[in-house]
Structures are given as structure tokens and as C-alpha cells.
């Protein structure tokens, strides 16, 4: 009589086991789905964070670059604006040099005396024949053009003199020599200083003062017997149809008060391989080095 009662219990137990398995299966599927979604979400979040980090680095570099360029353009426009203002209003050359070069350094004294010597030593009219490279004759405009060149040289000289960082100075040099107009104006300023030095030595020679032998050699030539002939026959051609001759290198070194040491590659293994301009500079003059293949074209070595 007991056997018929066990069958319902077995069916009930089977249903309970099947329900438990189904719940366990759903829990497992849900867990796997949540795990998969979490892995996908974590990968997406990590990718988003990486992209955000890369974007922030890019925008930071872009901000620094734009800031640098903006600073450069502001400085350029300020200099351009100042130059435009100085061109519009005429100023007395003697008063300008006295006002701008107030120091007592040798360079400041030189710049204050420069216009006076050129204007009054032989009369100012001959200076109007000064040539700016291929520009053969500028007339009365020569004084204004030379003033701007000398002003630019003063500004650049001050900037580079106060710069101690080697890499920053190298970058400034690259910028300087990539601007042909700027470089051209600096060359003309240097030529003008050379002309002043020749005029100064000529005046001293006329009063029987002792002058360096290189200037006596210069004035002994028919083509450069005085400052005017030196300008017309030699200086005006520099930067146009010819470069610096050896005697011009002597004058340049003496005018800038630097010792120019030149390694002449075509004289290698001879005693003329190294030459200095001037040959006997003052002891405290700084030294610069150049390389040449033919005494006409010079290269700047970077050590």
C-alpha cells in the first residue's frame, strides 16, 4: 500500500531539481553577459582615456607652439611698427647718434663720432655716392638708409651680446641668416663702419700721427689713396660684384675690434695655412674663426 505514494514525491523532487538547474543556468548566463559587458566597457574607457591623454598632449604642444609664434609675430610687428614710425619722421643724424649711444664703451664712442667724421671730414656730398650693393646711387637718401642699417646693427648687437644660452643663440643666428633683407642691412652697416675707420685713419695720417701699417698700405694704392677712392673703387662693389679682399679683412677686423682667424684650406701644410686679420690685434680682442677655399668665399665653422 506504500508504493503508490512515492511516485508523486519523486516527480516533485525532479521538478525542484530542474528549476534549480534553470536558475543556476540563468545566473551563469547573466554573469557571463555582465563580465563581457564590463570587459568591453573597460576597454572602451581605457581607449577613451588614451585618446583624451593624447589629445591633451597634442593641444598642449599646439598651445606652446602657437604661443611661441604669437610672441614672435608680436615682436616682429612691434619692430616693424617702430621702423615705420622712424621712417615717417625725419631726425638729425648727429642728434640721433648722440641720443641713442649714450654709453662710454668704445662702441658707443665710435657710433657717436661716426656721422660727424663722415659728414665733415671731406664734405658730406661725397657720401651720397655710397652704393648699397646693386643700388648704385641713392643721393640724399643715403643718410636715412645708413641710419636704419646702423640702428638695426645696434639692436641685434645688443640682443646677441646679452644671450648666454648656446642653443638659443644658434636659433637666433638661423633666423638672422634666413632673412636676406635683414642680413643685407647688417652688411651695409658693417661696410659703413669700415668706411668710418678708413676716414679716421686718413685724418690721423694727414696730421702725421702714427697709424697701423695696414692703413698706410691701403692709402699707398692709387685705387684707395683716400676714403672717397676707397669707397668708389672697393667698398661700393662689396656685396654686389665682389667680396672682401685680404686688406678688406684687415680693415674689418680692426673696425670691429676682433681677431679674425682664417684657416686657408688651399694652403694646407704650409705656414700660410692660418692667417689673422689684423696680424697683431690687441690682447683683449675676442677671436672668431673662418674657413676659406680661395680667399674670396668664407665659411663659418660650428664647433
C-alpha atoms as a PDB file:
ATOM      1  CA  UNK A   1       0.000   0.000   0.000  1.00  0.00           C
ATOM      2  CA  UNK A   2       3.081   2.349   0.442  1.00  0.00           C
ATOM      3  CA  UNK A   3       4.431   2.058  -3.171  1.00  0.00           C
ATOM      4  CA  UNK A   4       1.853   4.299  -4.884  1.00  0.00           C
ATOM      5  CA  UNK A   5       2.743   7.250  -2.525  1.00  0.00           C
ATOM      6  CA  UNK A   6       6.424   7.538  -3.546  1.00  0.00           C
ATOM      7  CA  UNK A   7       5.816   8.428  -7.210  1.00  0.00           C
ATOM      8  CA  UNK A   8       4.435  11.961  -6.599  1.00  0.00           C
ATOM      9  CA  UNK A   9       7.370  12.687  -4.275  1.00  0.00           C
ATOM     10  CA  UNK A  10       9.821  11.640  -6.964  1.00  0.00           C
ATOM     11  CA  UNK A  11       8.091  13.844  -9.552  1.00  0.00           C
ATOM     12  CA  UNK A  12       8.119  16.785  -7.122  1.00  0.00           C
ATOM     13  CA  UNK A  13      11.821  16.266  -6.441  1.00  0.00           C
ATOM     14  CA  UNK A  14      12.551  16.148 -10.168  1.00  0.00           C
ATOM     15  CA  UNK A  15      10.679  19.420 -10.726  1.00  0.00           C
ATOM     16  CA  UNK A  16      12.632  21.084  -7.899  1.00  0.00           C
ATOM     17  CA  UNK A  17      15.972  19.886  -9.354  1.00  0.00           C
ATOM     18  CA  UNK A  18      15.037  21.091 -12.858  1.00  0.00           C
ATOM     19  CA  UNK A  19      14.028  24.525 -11.506  1.00  0.00           C
ATOM     20  CA  UNK A  20      17.286  24.853  -9.590  1.00  0.00           C
ATOM     21  CA  UNK A  21      19.302  23.984 -12.690  1.00  0.00           C
ATOM     22  CA  UNK A  22      17.379  26.551 -14.719  1.00  0.00           C
ATOM     23  CA  UNK A  23      18.031  29.289 -12.116  1.00  0.00           C
ATOM     24  CA  UNK A  24      21.715  28.353 -11.993  1.00  0.00           C
ATOM     25  CA  UNK A  25      21.873  28.486 -15.794  1.00  0.00           C
ATOM     26  CA  UNK A  26      20.306  31.942 -15.865  1.00  0.00           C
ATOM     27  CA  UNK A  27      22.668  33.180 -13.163  1.00  0.00           C
ATOM     28  CA  UNK A  28      25.651  31.833 -15.157  1.00  0.00           C
ATOM     29  CA  UNK A  29      24.463  33.442 -18.397  1.00  0.00           C
ATOM     30  CA  UNK A  30      23.796  36.739 -16.648  1.00  0.00           C
ATOM     31  CA  UNK A  31      27.234  36.635 -15.006  1.00  0.00           C
ATOM     32  CA  UNK A  32      28.938  35.937 -18.329  1.00  0.00           C
ATOM     33  CA  UNK A  33      26.974  38.735 -20.019  1.00  0.00           C
ATOM     34  CA  UNK A  34      27.857  41.198 -17.256  1.00  0.00           C
ATOM     35  CA  UNK A  35      31.522  40.117 -17.428  1.00  0.00           C
ATOM     36  CA  UNK A  36      31.571  40.579 -21.206  1.00  0.00           C
ATOM     37  CA  UNK A  37      29.916  43.980 -20.983  1.00  0.00           C
ATOM     38  CA  UNK A  38      32.390  45.014 -18.274  1.00  0.00           C
ATOM     39  CA  UNK A  39      35.391  43.954 -20.375  1.00  0.00           C
ATOM     40  CA  UNK A  40      34.044  45.851 -23.376  1.00  0.00           C
ATOM     41  CA  UNK A  41      33.254  48.902 -21.248  1.00  0.00           C
ATOM     42  CA  UNK A  42      36.694  48.829 -19.585  1.00  0.00           C
ATOM     43  CA  UNK A  43      38.439  48.547 -22.971  1.00  0.00           C
ATOM     44  CA  UNK A  44      36.358  51.419 -24.283  1.00  0.00           C
ATOM     45  CA  UNK A  45      37.104  53.544 -21.209  1.00  0.00           C
ATOM     46  CA  UNK A  46      40.837  52.799 -21.460  1.00  0.00           C
ATOM     47  CA  UNK A  47      40.803  53.684 -25.156  1.00  0.00           C
ATOM     48  CA  UNK A  48      38.907  56.899 -24.407  1.00  0.00           C
ATOM     49  CA  UNK A  49      41.383  57.797 -21.656  1.00  0.00           C
ATOM     50  CA  UNK A  50      44.315  57.132 -24.014  1.00  0.00           C
ATOM     51  CA  UNK A  51      42.747  59.262 -26.729  1.00  0.00           C
ATOM     52  CA  UNK A  52      41.993  62.003 -24.224  1.00  0.00           C
ATOM     53  CA  UNK A  53      45.575  61.920 -22.920  1.00  0.00           C
ATOM     54  CA  UNK A  54      46.968  62.041 -26.462  1.00  0.00           C
ATOM     55  CA  UNK A  55      44.616  64.902 -27.315  1.00  0.00           C
ATOM     56  CA  UNK A  56      45.657  66.846 -24.218  1.00  0.00           C
ATOM     57  CA  UNK A  57      49.357  66.368 -25.068  1.00  0.00           C
ATOM     58  CA  UNK A  58      48.715  67.465 -28.661  1.00  0.00           C
ATOM     59  CA  UNK A  59      46.753  70.552 -27.636  1.00  0.00           C
ATOM     60  CA  UNK A  60      49.421  71.398 -25.041  1.00  0.00           C
ATOM     61  CA  UNK A  61      52.135  71.268 -27.697  1.00  0.00           C
ATOM     62  CA  UNK A  62      49.888  73.207 -30.073  1.00  0.00           C
ATOM     63  CA  UNK A  63      49.303  75.821 -27.369  1.00  0.00           C
ATOM     64  CA  UNK A  64      53.043  76.170 -26.739  1.00  0.00           C
ATOM     65  CA  UNK A  65      53.768  76.393 -30.474  1.00  0.00           C
ATOM     66  CA  UNK A  66      51.032  78.957 -31.097  1.00  0.00           C
ATOM     67  CA  UNK A  67      52.188  80.937 -28.069  1.00  0.00           C
ATOM     68  CA  UNK A  68      55.756  80.958 -29.391  1.00  0.00           C
ATOM     69  CA  UNK A  69      54.657  82.003 -32.875  1.00  0.00           C
ATOM     70  CA  UNK A  70      52.335  84.673 -31.474  1.00  0.00           C
ATOM     71  CA  UNK A  71      55.168  86.075 -29.340  1.00  0.00           C
ATOM     72  CA  UNK A  72      57.448  86.132 -32.401  1.00  0.00           C
ATOM     73  CA  UNK A  73      54.852  87.908 -34.540  1.00  0.00           C
ATOM     74  CA  UNK A  74      54.118  90.453 -31.817  1.00  0.00           C
ATOM     75  CA  UNK A  75      57.825  91.257 -31.568  1.00  0.00           C
ATOM     76  CA  UNK A  76      58.111  91.433 -35.356  1.00  0.00           C
ATOM     77  CA  UNK A  77      55.114  93.751 -35.706  1.00  0.00           C
ATOM     78  CA  UNK A  78      56.404  95.954 -32.892  1.00  0.00           C
ATOM     79  CA  UNK A  79      59.786  96.271 -34.595  1.00  0.00           C
ATOM     80  CA  UNK A  80      58.090  96.857 -37.948  1.00  0.00           C
ATOM     81  CA  UNK A  81      55.834  99.485 -36.439  1.00  0.00           C
ATOM     82  CA  UNK A  82      58.742 101.262 -34.799  1.00  0.00           C
ATOM     83  CA  UNK A  83      60.741 101.266 -38.024  1.00  0.00           C
ATOM     84  CA  UNK A  84      57.784 102.670 -39.932  1.00  0.00           C
ATOM     85  CA  UNK A  85      57.418 105.474 -37.396  1.00  0.00           C
ATOM     86  CA  UNK A  86      61.126 106.317 -37.605  1.00  0.00           C
ATOM     87  CA  UNK A  87      60.934 106.494 -41.390  1.00  0.00           C
ATOM     88  CA  UNK A  88      57.977 108.904 -41.309  1.00  0.00           C
ATOM     89  CA  UNK A  89      59.615 111.499 -39.054  1.00  0.00           C
ATOM     90  CA  UNK A  90      62.969 112.989 -40.070  1.00  0.00           C
ATOM     91  CA  UNK A  91      65.623 113.231 -37.370  1.00  0.00           C
ATOM     92  CA  UNK A  92      69.020 114.859 -37.225  1.00  0.00           C
ATOM     93  CA  UNK A  93      71.692 112.190 -37.719  1.00  0.00           C
ATOM     94  CA  UNK A  94      74.158 113.717 -35.278  1.00  0.00           C
ATOM     95  CA  UNK A  95      71.492 114.216 -32.603  1.00  0.00           C
ATOM     96  CA  UNK A  96      70.168 110.712 -33.145  1.00  0.00           C
ATOM     97  CA  UNK A  97      73.553 109.047 -32.611  1.00  0.00           C
ATOM     98  CA  UNK A  98      74.252 111.209 -29.553  1.00  0.00           C
ATOM     99  CA  UNK A  99      70.873 110.258 -28.065  1.00  0.00           C
ATOM    100  CA  UNK A 100      70.957 106.539 -28.846  1.00  0.00           C
ATOM    101  CA  UNK A 101      74.606 105.859 -27.990  1.00  0.00           C
ATOM    102  CA  UNK A 102      74.988 107.476 -24.552  1.00  0.00           C
ATOM    103  CA  UNK A 103      77.378 104.949 -23.000  1.00  0.00           C
ATOM    104  CA  UNK A 104      81.115 105.287 -22.570  1.00  0.00           C
ATOM    105  CA  UNK A 105      82.044 101.959 -24.161  1.00  0.00           C
ATOM    106  CA  UNK A 106      84.393 102.048 -27.182  1.00  0.00           C
ATOM    107  CA  UNK A 107      81.489 101.042 -29.436  1.00  0.00           C
ATOM    108  CA  UNK A 108      79.244 103.861 -28.163  1.00  0.00           C
ATOM    109  CA  UNK A 109      82.005 106.446 -28.611  1.00  0.00           C
ATOM    110  CA  UNK A 110      82.624 105.139 -32.112  1.00  0.00           C
ATOM    111  CA  UNK A 111      78.959 105.427 -33.098  1.00  0.00           C
ATOM    112  CA  UNK A 112      78.700 108.988 -31.750  1.00  0.00           C
ATOM    113  CA  UNK A 113      81.727 110.106 -33.764  1.00  0.00           C
ATOM    114  CA  UNK A 114      80.808 108.182 -36.903  1.00  0.00           C
ATOM    115  CA  UNK A 115      78.352 110.586 -38.603  1.00  0.00           C
ATOM    116  CA  UNK A 116      80.358 113.678 -37.714  1.00  0.00           C
ATOM    117  CA  UNK A 117      83.517 112.313 -39.311  1.00  0.00           C
ATOM    118  CA  UNK A 118      81.724 111.242 -42.461  1.00  0.00           C
ATOM    119  CA  UNK A 119      79.760 114.458 -42.807  1.00  0.00           C
ATOM    120  CA  UNK A 120      82.525 116.992 -42.209  1.00  0.00           C
ATOM    121  CA  UNK A 121      85.906 115.401 -42.895  1.00  0.00           C
ATOM    122  CA  UNK A 122      85.714 115.895 -46.676  1.00  0.00           C
ATOM    123  CA  UNK A 123      82.261 117.402 -47.043  1.00  0.00           C
ATOM    124  CA  UNK A 124      79.025 115.448 -46.943  1.00  0.00           C
ATOM    125  CA  UNK A 125      78.309 115.397 -50.694  1.00  0.00           C
ATOM    126  CA  UNK A 126      80.759 112.601 -51.458  1.00  0.00           C
ATOM    127  CA  UNK A 127      78.906 110.236 -49.114  1.00  0.00           C
ATOM    128  CA  UNK A 128      75.918 110.452 -51.460  1.00  0.00           C
ATOM    129  CA  UNK A 129      77.874 108.253 -53.880  1.00  0.00           C
ATOM    130  CA  UNK A 130      77.765 105.372 -51.394  1.00  0.00           C
ATOM    131  CA  UNK A 131      76.290 102.248 -53.034  1.00  0.00           C
ATOM    132  CA  UNK A 132      74.004  99.744 -51.330  1.00  0.00           C
ATOM    133  CA  UNK A 133      75.050  96.667 -53.283  1.00  0.00           C
ATOM    134  CA  UNK A 134      73.435  96.874 -56.738  1.00  0.00           C
ATOM    135  CA  UNK A 135      71.766 100.189 -55.801  1.00  0.00           C
ATOM    136  CA  UNK A 136      74.435 102.462 -57.251  1.00  0.00           C
ATOM    137  CA  UNK A 137      73.253 105.924 -56.259  1.00  0.00           C
ATOM    138  CA  UNK A 138      70.810 106.998 -53.565  1.00  0.00           C
ATOM    139  CA  UNK A 139      71.553 110.747 -53.316  1.00  0.00           C
ATOM    140  CA  UNK A 140      70.432 112.489 -50.150  1.00  0.00           C
ATOM    141  CA  UNK A 141      68.533 109.356 -49.078  1.00  0.00           C
ATOM    142  CA  UNK A 142      71.852 107.706 -48.222  1.00  0.00           C
ATOM    143  CA  UNK A 143      71.868 109.155 -44.695  1.00  0.00           C
ATOM    144  CA  UNK A 144      68.428 107.797 -43.826  1.00  0.00           C
ATOM    145  CA  UNK A 145      69.224 104.362 -45.259  1.00  0.00           C
ATOM    146  CA  UNK A 146      72.540 104.175 -43.424  1.00  0.00           C
ATOM    147  CA  UNK A 147      70.912 105.323 -40.188  1.00  0.00           C
ATOM    148  CA  UNK A 148      68.403 102.454 -40.361  1.00  0.00           C
ATOM    149  CA  UNK A 149      71.169  99.951 -41.054  1.00  0.00           C
ATOM    150  CA  UNK A 150      73.255 101.183 -38.123  1.00  0.00           C
ATOM    151  CA  UNK A 151      70.187 101.206 -35.859  1.00  0.00           C
ATOM    152  CA  UNK A 152      69.448  97.609 -36.806  1.00  0.00           C
ATOM    153  CA  UNK A 153      73.044  96.567 -36.146  1.00  0.00           C
ATOM    154  CA  UNK A 154      72.900  98.211 -32.729  1.00  0.00           C
ATOM    155  CA  UNK A 155      69.691  96.374 -31.831  1.00  0.00           C
ATOM    156  CA  UNK A 156      70.955  92.975 -33.000  1.00  0.00           C
ATOM    157  CA  UNK A 157      74.343  93.537 -31.369  1.00  0.00           C
ATOM    158  CA  UNK A 158      72.628  94.221 -28.046  1.00  0.00           C
ATOM    159  CA  UNK A 159      70.411  91.129 -28.348  1.00  0.00           C
ATOM    160  CA  UNK A 160      73.260  88.752 -29.136  1.00  0.00           C
ATOM    161  CA  UNK A 161      75.630  90.266 -26.563  1.00  0.00           C
ATOM    162  CA  UNK A 162      73.167  89.555 -23.772  1.00  0.00           C
ATOM    163  CA  UNK A 163      72.453  85.994 -24.901  1.00  0.00           C
ATOM    164  CA  UNK A 164      74.361  83.306 -22.987  1.00  0.00           C
ATOM    165  CA  UNK A 165      72.430  80.176 -24.000  1.00  0.00           C
ATOM    166  CA  UNK A 166      74.320  78.433 -26.840  1.00  0.00           C
ATOM    167  CA  UNK A 167      71.287  76.769 -28.431  1.00  0.00           C
ATOM    168  CA  UNK A 168      69.171  79.908 -28.254  1.00  0.00           C
ATOM    169  CA  UNK A 169      71.957  81.891 -29.887  1.00  0.00           C
ATOM    170  CA  UNK A 170      72.180  79.266 -32.635  1.00  0.00           C
ATOM    171  CA  UNK A 171      68.448  79.535 -33.271  1.00  0.00           C
ATOM    172  CA  UNK A 172      68.707  83.315 -33.441  1.00  0.00           C
ATOM    173  CA  UNK A 173      71.554  83.008 -35.958  1.00  0.00           C
ATOM    174  CA  UNK A 174      69.459  80.701 -38.137  1.00  0.00           C
ATOM    175  CA  UNK A 175      66.600  83.209 -38.074  1.00  0.00           C
ATOM    176  CA  UNK A 176      69.000  86.051 -38.848  1.00  0.00           C
ATOM    177  CA  UNK A 177      70.622  84.388 -41.856  1.00  0.00           C
ATOM    178  CA  UNK A 178      67.294  83.187 -43.258  1.00  0.00           C
ATOM    179  CA  UNK A 179      66.159  86.792 -43.748  1.00  0.00           C
ATOM    180  CA  UNK A 180      68.007  88.136 -46.797  1.00  0.00           C
ATOM    181  CA  UNK A 181      66.847  91.750 -46.314  1.00  0.00           C
ATOM    182  CA  UNK A 182      67.890  91.787 -42.663  1.00  0.00           C
ATOM    183  CA  UNK A 183      71.262  90.246 -43.455  1.00  0.00           C
ATOM    184  CA  UNK A 184      71.803  92.766 -46.271  1.00  0.00           C
ATOM    185  CA  UNK A 185      71.187  95.723 -43.923  1.00  0.00           C
ATOM    186  CA  UNK A 186      73.672  94.374 -41.389  1.00  0.00           C
ATOM    187  CA  UNK A 187      76.304  94.027 -44.120  1.00  0.00           C
ATOM    188  CA  UNK A 188      75.776  97.644 -45.136  1.00  0.00           C
ATOM    189  CA  UNK A 189      76.161  98.773 -41.529  1.00  0.00           C
ATOM    190  CA  UNK A 190      79.480  96.905 -41.306  1.00  0.00           C
ATOM    191  CA  UNK A 191      80.664  98.473 -44.563  1.00  0.00           C
ATOM    192  CA  UNK A 192      79.755 101.879 -43.180  1.00  0.00           C
ATOM    193  CA  UNK A 193      81.811 101.240 -40.036  1.00  0.00           C
ATOM    194  CA  UNK A 194      84.754 100.200 -42.245  1.00  0.00           C
ATOM    195  CA  UNK A 195      84.401 103.458 -44.162  1.00  0.00           C
ATOM    196  CA  UNK A 196      84.406 105.390 -40.915  1.00  0.00           C
ATOM    197  CA  UNK A 197      87.591 103.611 -39.785  1.00  0.00           C
ATOM    198  CA  UNK A 198      89.339 104.395 -43.072  1.00  0.00           C
ATOM    199  CA  UNK A 199      88.272 108.047 -42.779  1.00  0.00           C
ATOM    200  CA  UNK A 200      89.509 108.217 -39.191  1.00  0.00           C
ATOM    201  CA  UNK A 201      92.933 106.806 -40.122  1.00  0.00           C
ATOM    202  CA  UNK A 202      93.188 109.106 -43.121  1.00  0.00           C
ATOM    203  CA  UNK A 203      92.588 112.144 -40.918  1.00  0.00           C
ATOM    204  CA  UNK A 204      95.244 110.955 -38.463  1.00  0.00           C
ATOM    205  CA  UNK A 205      97.724 110.344 -41.271  1.00  0.00           C
ATOM    206  CA  UNK A 206      97.233 113.891 -42.572  1.00  0.00           C
ATOM    207  CA  UNK A 207      98.230 115.231 -39.138  1.00  0.00           C
ATOM    208  CA  UNK A 208     101.340 112.990 -39.102  1.00  0.00           C
ATOM    209  CA  UNK A 209     100.034 110.701 -36.383  1.00  0.00           C
ATOM    210  CA  UNK A 210     101.157 107.084 -36.210  1.00  0.00           C
ATOM    211  CA  UNK A 211      98.640 104.719 -37.838  1.00  0.00           C
ATOM    212  CA  UNK A 212      98.698 100.924 -38.324  1.00  0.00           C
ATOM    213  CA  UNK A 213     100.803  99.761 -41.266  1.00  0.00           C
ATOM    214  CA  UNK A 214      97.839  98.151 -42.992  1.00  0.00           C
ATOM    215  CA  UNK A 215      96.200 101.567 -43.465  1.00  0.00           C
ATOM    216  CA  UNK A 216      99.439 103.023 -44.851  1.00  0.00           C
ATOM    217  CA  UNK A 217      99.450 100.160 -47.322  1.00  0.00           C
ATOM    218  CA  UNK A 218      95.824 100.918 -48.188  1.00  0.00           C
ATOM    219  CA  UNK A 219      96.486 104.614 -48.860  1.00  0.00           C
ATOM    220  CA  UNK A 220      99.605 103.825 -50.890  1.00  0.00           C
ATOM    221  CA  UNK A 221      97.480 102.254 -53.627  1.00  0.00           C
ATOM    222  CA  UNK A 222      96.200 104.502 -56.399  1.00  0.00           C
ATOM    223  CA  UNK A 223      92.740 102.939 -56.166  1.00  0.00           C
ATOM    224  CA  UNK A 224      92.403 103.760 -52.451  1.00  0.00           C
ATOM    225  CA  UNK A 225      94.563 106.822 -51.838  1.00  0.00           C
ATOM    226  CA  UNK A 226      91.800 108.457 -49.746  1.00  0.00           C
ATOM    227  CA  UNK A 227      88.420 107.475 -48.269  1.00  0.00           C
ATOM    228  CA  UNK A 228      86.471 108.582 -51.349  1.00  0.00           C
ATOM    229  CA  UNK A 229      88.546 106.481 -53.764  1.00  0.00           C
ATOM    230  CA  UNK A 230      88.415 103.546 -51.337  1.00  0.00           C
ATOM    231  CA  UNK A 231      84.624 103.798 -51.267  1.00  0.00           C
ATOM    232  CA  UNK A 232      84.221 104.225 -55.017  1.00  0.00           C
ATOM    233  CA  UNK A 233      86.749 101.602 -56.164  1.00  0.00           C
ATOM    234  CA  UNK A 234      86.452  98.949 -53.445  1.00  0.00           C
ATOM    235  CA  UNK A 235      83.767  99.334 -50.807  1.00  0.00           C
ATOM    236  CA  UNK A 236      80.853 100.012 -53.151  1.00  0.00           C
ATOM    237  CA  UNK A 237      81.482  96.762 -55.007  1.00  0.00           C
ATOM    238  CA  UNK A 238      81.404  94.593 -51.888  1.00  0.00           C
ATOM    239  CA  UNK A 239      78.159  92.647 -51.758  1.00  0.00           C
ATOM    240  CA  UNK A 240      77.432  93.361 -55.428  1.00  0.00           C
ATOM    241  CA  UNK A 241      80.179  92.194 -57.795  1.00  0.00           C
ATOM    242  CA  UNK A 242      82.887  91.086 -55.372  1.00  0.00           C
ATOM    243  CA  UNK A 243      83.624  90.017 -51.835  1.00  0.00           C
ATOM    244  CA  UNK A 244      86.257  91.059 -49.316  1.00  0.00           C
ATOM    245  CA  UNK A 245      89.907  91.142 -50.323  1.00  0.00           C
ATOM    246  CA  UNK A 246      92.602  90.387 -47.758  1.00  0.00           C
ATOM    247  CA  UNK A 247      93.209  94.048 -46.980  1.00  0.00           C
ATOM    248  CA  UNK A 248      89.453  94.494 -46.513  1.00  0.00           C
ATOM    249  CA  UNK A 249      89.542  91.654 -43.979  1.00  0.00           C
ATOM    250  CA  UNK A 250      92.245  93.547 -42.072  1.00  0.00           C
ATOM    251  CA  UNK A 251      90.091  96.684 -42.046  1.00  0.00           C
ATOM    252  CA  UNK A 252      87.007  94.709 -40.967  1.00  0.00           C
ATOM    253  CA  UNK A 253      88.825  93.086 -38.052  1.00  0.00           C
ATOM    254  CA  UNK A 254      90.310  96.406 -36.973  1.00  0.00           C
ATOM    255  CA  UNK A 255      86.951  98.189 -37.262  1.00  0.00           C
ATOM    256  CA  UNK A 256      85.077  95.579 -35.205  1.00  0.00           C
ATOM    257  CA  UNK A 257      87.984  95.178 -32.765  1.00  0.00           C
ATOM    258  CA  UNK A 258      88.032  91.395 -33.218  1.00  0.00           C
ATOM    259  CA  UNK A 259      90.746  88.969 -34.259  1.00  0.00           C
ATOM    260  CA  UNK A 260      89.567  87.130 -37.388  1.00  0.00           C
ATOM    261  CA  UNK A 261      91.427  83.833 -37.620  1.00  0.00           C
ATOM    262  CA  UNK A 262      91.112  82.253 -41.069  1.00  0.00           C
ATOM    263  CA  UNK A 263      92.055  78.670 -41.969  1.00  0.00           C
ATOM    264  CA  UNK A 264      93.014  78.674 -45.663  1.00  0.00           C
ATOM    265  CA  UNK A 265      92.294  75.156 -46.867  1.00  0.00           C
ATOM    266  CA  UNK A 266      94.126  75.616 -50.154  1.00  0.00           C
ATOM    267  CA  UNK A 267      97.304  76.432 -48.166  1.00  0.00           C
ATOM    268  CA  UNK A 268      97.169  73.274 -46.064  1.00  0.00           C
ATOM    269  CA  UNK A 269     100.563  72.041 -44.803  1.00  0.00           C
ATOM    270  CA  UNK A 270     102.153  75.436 -45.355  1.00  0.00           C
ATOM    271  CA  UNK A 271     102.920  78.276 -42.987  1.00  0.00           C
ATOM    272  CA  UNK A 272     100.251  80.387 -44.700  1.00  0.00           C
ATOM    273  CA  UNK A 273      97.537  77.895 -43.721  1.00  0.00           C
ATOM    274  CA  UNK A 274      96.463  80.103 -40.813  1.00  0.00           C
ATOM    275  CA  UNK A 275      96.285  83.894 -41.078  1.00  0.00           C
ATOM    276  CA  UNK A 276      94.897  86.504 -38.685  1.00  0.00           C
ATOM    277  CA  UNK A 277      93.229  89.809 -39.523  1.00  0.00           C
ATOM    278  CA  UNK A 278      94.719  92.028 -38.225  1.00  0.00           C
ATOM    279  CA  UNK A 279      98.054  90.309 -37.729  1.00  0.00           C
ATOM    280  CA  UNK A 280      98.761  91.967 -34.385  1.00  0.00           C
ATOM    281  CA  UNK A 281      95.415  92.540 -32.640  1.00  0.00           C
ATOM    282  CA  UNK A 282      95.195  93.939 -29.158  1.00  0.00           C
ATOM    283  CA  UNK A 283      95.418  91.329 -26.430  1.00  0.00           C
ATOM    284  CA  UNK A 284      91.843  91.673 -25.168  1.00  0.00           C
ATOM    285  CA  UNK A 285      90.136  91.488 -28.573  1.00  0.00           C
ATOM    286  CA  UNK A 286      87.825  88.456 -28.955  1.00  0.00           C
ATOM    287  CA  UNK A 287      88.644  85.893 -31.629  1.00  0.00           C
ATOM    288  CA  UNK A 288      86.416  84.388 -34.331  1.00  0.00           C
ATOM    289  CA  UNK A 289      87.286  81.641 -36.822  1.00  0.00           C
ATOM    290  CA  UNK A 290      86.518  81.263 -40.517  1.00  0.00           C
ATOM    291  CA  UNK A 291      87.324  78.744 -43.269  1.00  0.00           C
ATOM    292  CA  UNK A 292      88.139  79.668 -46.867  1.00  0.00           C
ATOM    293  CA  UNK A 293      88.914  77.723 -50.010  1.00  0.00           C
ATOM    294  CA  UNK A 294      90.103  80.622 -52.159  1.00  0.00           C
ATOM    295  CA  UNK A 295      90.391  83.838 -50.054  1.00  0.00           C
ATOM    296  CA  UNK A 296      87.094  85.019 -51.557  1.00  0.00           C
ATOM    297  CA  UNK A 297      84.387  82.801 -50.092  1.00  0.00           C
ATOM    298  CA  UNK A 298      84.325  82.197 -46.342  1.00  0.00           C
ATOM    299  CA  UNK A 299      82.588  79.577 -44.227  1.00  0.00           C
ATOM    300  CA  UNK A 300      81.680  79.717 -40.536  1.00  0.00           C
ATOM    301  CA  UNK A 301      82.792  76.581 -38.644  1.00  0.00           C
ATOM    302  CA  UNK A 302      80.458  75.361 -35.913  1.00  0.00           C
ATOM    303  CA  UNK A 303      82.367  73.769 -33.044  1.00  0.00           C
END
